[in-house]
Amino acid sequence: MKKDLMIGGNVIEKDDKIVQMLLLNSHEADHLYRKKNGTYYWCHHRKSGDTFSIPEIQMEMFPPEPPKSNPLTEEQIARAPHLNMLEKYYGEDWKPEPVEGLGDHY
């Protein structure tokens, strides 16, 4: 790749990381790059020369991990009828009893 290549006003920098490659044949490939600011662009490497696709609207192609859920407090469990329905129906001392011959059924 050439240094200081200008495509649509964007400078392709050496810090840009290849996220994905699609090898079409021995002379042609597509490279998905991620810039430091989190935007992406494609480099279409062809035998006749390189071209670049920079979308006008950047979509989040690889979204971050969803936040971890916090464990529920006793107060939240007490207020949530769907979390302790068996305890409310049968009482606090109720325990499930195994049934002989009944296998897993999920």
C-alpha atoms as a PDB file:
ATOM      1  CA  MET A   1       0.000   0.000   0.000  1.00  0.00           C
ATOM      2  CA  LYS A   2       1.255   3.486  -0.781  1.00  0.00           C
ATOM      3  CA  LYS A   3       2.080   5.908   2.026  1.00  0.00           C
ATOM      4  CA  ASP A   4      -0.221   8.907   2.567  1.00  0.00           C
ATOM      5  CA  LEU A   5      -2.875   7.592   0.186  1.00  0.00           C
ATOM      6  CA  MET A   6      -5.879   9.928   0.186  1.00  0.00           C
ATOM      7  CA  ILE A   7      -9.281   8.378  -0.478  1.00  0.00           C
ATOM      8  CA  GLY A   8     -12.327  10.618  -0.114  1.00  0.00           C
ATOM      9  CA  GLY A   9     -10.515  12.862   2.345  1.00  0.00           C
ATOM     10  CA  ASN A  10      -9.496   9.950   4.607  1.00  0.00           C
ATOM     11  CA  VAL A  11      -5.827   9.176   5.175  1.00  0.00           C
ATOM     12  CA  ILE A  12      -5.027   5.486   5.359  1.00  0.00           C
ATOM     13  CA  GLU A  13      -2.636   5.151   8.258  1.00  0.00           C
ATOM     14  CA  LYS A  14      -0.236   2.416   9.274  1.00  0.00           C
ATOM     15  CA  ASP A  15      -2.126   2.041  12.593  1.00  0.00           C
ATOM     16  CA  ASP A  16      -5.223   0.724  10.780  1.00  0.00           C
ATOM     17  CA  LYS A  17      -5.727  -2.962  11.606  1.00  0.00           C
ATOM     18  CA  ILE A  18      -6.949  -5.683   9.257  1.00  0.00           C
ATOM     19  CA  VAL A  19     -10.052  -7.204  10.828  1.00  0.00           C
ATOM     20  CA  GLN A  20     -11.084  -9.567   8.056  1.00  0.00           C
ATOM     21  CA  MET A  21      -9.685 -10.800   4.734  1.00  0.00           C
ATOM     22  CA  LEU A  22     -11.499 -12.351   1.816  1.00  0.00           C
ATOM     23  CA  LEU A  23      -9.120 -14.031  -0.612  1.00  0.00           C
ATOM     24  CA  LEU A  24     -10.759 -14.326  -4.008  1.00  0.00           C
ATOM     25  CA  ASN A  25      -7.805 -15.788  -5.932  1.00  0.00           C
ATOM     26  CA  SER A  26      -4.019 -15.420  -6.036  1.00  0.00           C
ATOM     27  CA  HIS A  27      -4.255 -11.840  -7.429  1.00  0.00           C
ATOM     28  CA  GLU A  28      -7.412 -10.457  -5.828  1.00  0.00           C
ATOM     29  CA  ALA A  29      -8.510  -9.986  -2.234  1.00  0.00           C
ATOM     30  CA  ASP A  30     -10.673  -7.761  -0.035  1.00  0.00           C
ATOM     31  CA  HIS A  31      -9.401  -6.469   3.309  1.00  0.00           C
ATOM     32  CA  LEU A  32     -11.615  -4.975   6.003  1.00  0.00           C
ATOM     33  CA  TYR A  33      -9.679  -2.401   8.036  1.00  0.00           C
ATOM     34  CA  ARG A  34     -10.569  -0.761  11.352  1.00  0.00           C
ATOM     35  CA  LYS A  35      -9.274   2.725  12.109  1.00  0.00           C
ATOM     36  CA  LYS A  36      -8.326   3.873  15.617  1.00  0.00           C
ATOM     37  CA  ASN A  37     -11.612   5.810  15.892  1.00  0.00           C
ATOM     38  CA  GLY A  38     -13.607   2.581  15.392  1.00  0.00           C
ATOM     39  CA  THR A  39     -14.725   3.147  11.788  1.00  0.00           C
ATOM     40  CA  TYR A  40     -14.232   0.540   9.074  1.00  0.00           C
ATOM     41  CA  TYR A  41     -13.331   0.581   5.394  1.00  0.00           C
ATOM     42  CA  TRP A  42     -12.707  -2.021   2.699  1.00  0.00           C
ATOM     43  CA  CYS A  43      -9.624  -2.238   0.519  1.00  0.00           C
ATOM     44  CA  HIS A  44     -10.416  -4.097  -2.728  1.00  0.00           C
ATOM     45  CA  HIS A  45      -7.047  -5.341  -3.968  1.00  0.00           C
ATOM     46  CA  ARG A  46      -7.264  -6.271  -7.632  1.00  0.00           C
ATOM     47  CA  LYS A  47      -4.694  -7.080 -10.282  1.00  0.00           C
ATOM     48  CA  SER A  48      -5.520  -3.783 -12.004  1.00  0.00           C
ATOM     49  CA  GLY A  49      -5.064  -1.764  -8.769  1.00  0.00           C
ATOM     50  CA  ASP A  50      -6.502  -1.086  -5.324  1.00  0.00           C
ATOM     51  CA  THR A  51      -9.853   0.582  -4.715  1.00  0.00           C
ATOM     52  CA  PHE A  52     -11.431   1.524  -1.405  1.00  0.00           C
ATOM     53  CA  SER A  53     -14.984   1.509  -0.100  1.00  0.00           C
ATOM     54  CA  ILE A  54     -15.735   3.953   2.679  1.00  0.00           C
ATOM     55  CA  PRO A  55     -19.410   3.854   3.608  1.00  0.00           C
ATOM     56  CA  GLU A  56     -21.108   7.213   4.127  1.00  0.00           C
ATOM     57  CA  ILE A  57     -22.896   5.758   7.153  1.00  0.00           C
ATOM     58  CA  GLN A  58     -20.756   3.597   9.422  1.00  0.00           C
ATOM     59  CA  MET A  59     -22.646   0.671  10.881  1.00  0.00           C
ATOM     60  CA  GLU A  60     -21.454  -1.165  13.934  1.00  0.00           C
ATOM     61  CA  MET A  61     -20.269  -4.340  12.223  1.00  0.00           C
ATOM     62  CA  PHE A  62     -18.711  -5.825  15.334  1.00  0.00           C
ATOM     63  CA  PRO A  63     -20.639  -4.449  18.317  1.00  0.00           C
ATOM     64  CA  PRO A  64     -19.050  -4.506  21.753  1.00  0.00           C
ATOM     65  CA  GLU A  65     -19.969  -7.188  24.249  1.00  0.00           C
ATOM     66  CA  PRO A  66     -23.235  -6.507  26.072  1.00  0.00           C
ATOM     67  CA  PRO A  67     -22.802  -5.361  29.674  1.00  0.00           C
ATOM     68  CA  LYS A  68     -22.715  -8.056  32.316  1.00  0.00           C
ATOM     69  CA  SER A  69     -25.901  -8.377  34.331  1.00  0.00           C
ATOM     70  CA  ASN A  70     -25.789  -7.631  38.025  1.00  0.00           C
ATOM     71  CA  PRO A  71     -27.048 -10.331  40.420  1.00  0.00           C
ATOM     72  CA  LEU A  72     -30.513  -9.656  41.812  1.00  0.00           C
ATOM     73  CA  THR A  73     -30.898  -8.446  45.375  1.00  0.00           C
ATOM     74  CA  GLU A  74     -33.254 -10.104  47.864  1.00  0.00           C
ATOM     75  CA  GLU A  75     -35.599  -7.121  47.587  1.00  0.00           C
ATOM     76  CA  GLN A  76     -35.766  -7.438  43.805  1.00  0.00           C
ATOM     77  CA  ILE A  77     -36.477 -11.175  44.065  1.00  0.00           C
ATOM     78  CA  ALA A  78     -39.245 -10.585  46.595  1.00  0.00           C
ATOM     79  CA  ARG A  79     -40.918  -8.022  44.296  1.00  0.00           C
ATOM     80  CA  ALA A  80     -40.636 -10.195  41.162  1.00  0.00           C
ATOM     81  CA  PRO A  81     -43.500 -12.732  41.138  1.00  0.00           C
ATOM     82  CA  HIS A  82     -42.065 -14.734  38.258  1.00  0.00           C
ATOM     83  CA  LEU A  83     -38.779 -15.423  40.093  1.00  0.00           C
ATOM     84  CA  ASN A  84     -40.208 -17.081  43.208  1.00  0.00           C
ATOM     85  CA  MET A  85     -43.631 -18.312  42.056  1.00  0.00           C
ATOM     86  CA  LEU A  86     -43.219 -21.881  43.398  1.00  0.00           C
ATOM     87  CA  GLU A  87     -42.119 -20.578  46.778  1.00  0.00           C
ATOM     88  CA  LYS A  88     -45.106 -18.225  46.946  1.00  0.00           C
ATOM     89  CA  TYR A  89     -47.529 -20.966  45.858  1.00  0.00           C
ATOM     90  CA  TYR A  90     -46.193 -23.907  47.929  1.00  0.00           C
ATOM     91  CA  GLY A  91     -44.484 -22.068  50.809  1.00  0.00           C
ATOM     92  CA  GLU A  92     -40.879 -21.402  51.770  1.00  0.00           C
ATOM     93  CA  ASP A  93     -40.160 -24.957  53.003  1.00  0.00           C
ATOM     94  CA  TRP A  94     -41.275 -26.650  49.748  1.00  0.00           C
ATOM     95  CA  LYS A  95     -38.628 -28.739  47.974  1.00  0.00           C
ATOM     96  CA  PRO A  96     -39.074 -30.529  44.645  1.00  0.00           C
ATOM     97  CA  GLU A  97     -39.295 -34.317  44.970  1.00  0.00           C
ATOM     98  CA  PRO A  98     -37.694 -36.575  42.384  1.00  0.00           C
ATOM     99  CA  VAL A  99     -40.086 -38.890  40.554  1.00  0.00           C
ATOM    100  CA  GLU A 100     -38.757 -42.391  39.903  1.00  0.00           C
ATOM    101  CA  GLY A 101     -38.591 -43.284  36.218  1.00  0.00           C
ATOM    102  CA  LEU A 102     -39.009 -39.704  35.065  1.00  0.00           C
ATOM    103  CA  GLY A 103     -35.989 -38.697  32.980  1.00  0.00           C
ATOM    104  CA  ASP A 104     -34.802 -35.309  31.966  1.00  0.00           C
ATOM    105  CA  HIS A 105     -37.415 -33.527  29.891  1.00  0.00           C
ATOM    106  CA  TYR A 106     -36.169 -30.229  28.649  1.00  0.00           C
END
